[in-house]
Protein backbone atom coordinates (compact mmCIF):
# COMPACT_ATOMS: atom_id res chain seq x y z
CA MET A 1 100.64 78.26 -134.66
CA SER A 2 102.37 79.46 -131.48
CA THR A 3 100.98 82.99 -131.98
CA VAL A 4 97.46 81.61 -132.18
CA LEU A 5 98.10 79.54 -129.05
CA ILE A 6 99.36 82.62 -127.17
CA ILE A 7 96.27 84.60 -128.26
CA VAL A 8 93.95 81.77 -127.17
CA ILE A 9 95.70 81.49 -123.80
CA ALA A 10 95.50 85.28 -123.33
CA ILE A 11 91.77 85.23 -124.11
CA VAL A 12 91.21 82.35 -121.67
CA VAL A 13 93.18 84.15 -118.93
CA ILE A 14 91.23 87.38 -119.52
CA ALA A 15 87.95 85.45 -119.41
CA LEU A 16 88.96 83.78 -116.13
CA VAL A 17 89.93 87.12 -114.57
CA VAL A 18 86.64 88.70 -115.66
CA PHE A 19 84.71 85.70 -114.32
CA ALA A 20 86.55 85.87 -110.97
CA LEU A 21 85.89 89.60 -110.64
CA THR A 22 82.22 89.18 -111.52
CA ALA A 23 81.81 86.33 -109.03
CA GLY A 24 83.50 88.39 -106.31
CA ARG A 25 81.26 91.34 -107.04
CA ARG A 26 78.15 89.15 -106.85
CA ARG A 27 79.31 87.72 -103.54
CA ARG A 28 79.96 91.20 -102.12
CA HIS A 29 76.57 92.41 -103.32
CA SER A 30 74.79 89.49 -101.68
CA GLN A 31 76.69 90.13 -98.44
CA LEU A 32 75.72 93.80 -98.59
CA ARG A 33 72.07 92.91 -99.22
CA GLU A 34 72.15 90.61 -96.19
CA THR A 35 73.78 93.32 -94.08
CA VAL A 36 71.19 95.86 -95.22
CA GLY A 37 68.44 93.44 -94.20
CA GLU A 38 70.00 92.99 -90.77
CA HIS A 39 70.32 96.76 -90.32
CA GLN A 40 66.72 97.32 -91.37
CA GLN A 41 65.58 94.70 -88.89
CA ALA A 42 67.64 96.29 -86.10
CA ALA A 43 66.27 99.73 -87.01
CA GLN A 44 62.72 98.37 -86.85
CA GLN A 45 63.39 96.84 -83.42
CA HIS A 46 64.79 100.17 -82.19
CA ALA A 47 61.78 102.02 -83.55
CA ASN A 48 59.45 99.58 -81.80
CA ARG A 49 61.34 100.01 -78.53
CA ALA A 50 61.26 103.81 -78.90
CA ASN A 51 57.49 103.65 -79.41
CA GLU A 52 57.12 101.48 -76.30
CA LEU A 53 59.20 103.91 -74.26
CA GLU A 54 57.23 106.89 -75.54
CA ALA A 55 53.96 105.16 -74.65
CA ALA A 56 55.29 104.41 -71.17
CA ALA A 57 56.36 108.05 -70.74
CA ALA A 58 52.93 109.27 -71.86
CA GLU A 59 51.30 106.88 -69.38
CA ALA A 60 53.55 108.14 -66.59
CA ARG A 61 52.69 111.77 -67.45
CA GLU A 62 48.99 110.91 -67.34
CA ARG A 63 49.39 109.18 -63.95
CA GLU A 64 51.26 112.22 -62.65
CA ARG A 65 48.51 114.55 -63.90
CA THR A 66 45.82 112.39 -62.31
CA HIS A 67 47.76 112.22 -59.06
CA SER A 68 48.16 115.99 -59.10
CA GLN A 69 44.43 116.48 -59.59
CA THR A 70 43.62 114.02 -56.81
CA ALA A 71 46.04 115.78 -54.46
CA ALA A 72 44.53 119.18 -55.30
CA GLU A 73 41.01 117.86 -54.66
CA ALA A 74 42.11 116.31 -51.36
CA GLU A 75 43.69 119.60 -50.27
CA GLN A 76 40.45 121.45 -50.99
CA LYS A 77 38.53 119.00 -48.81
CA LEU A 78 40.82 119.55 -45.83
CA PRO A 79 39.50 121.87 -43.14
CA ASP A 80 41.18 125.26 -42.96
CA ARG A 81 43.84 125.50 -40.26
CA SER A 82 43.62 129.22 -39.71
């Protein structure tokens, strides 16, 4: 009888250990999924900001080109100083 009791207790202990490990793994996986979601969101925000900055840079280059053209046209309209 005591051998059967020891075997039953051993099986229960093993089952509890397996359950605890499985629960811990599930918890870690859910935390990792949440962290991945946060990182993806941050990456998307950075990509959006990079696109905004690139658009602003392109706009500034266009303004500079337009200004350059306007300055060149104004110089041509000036009377010669020779």
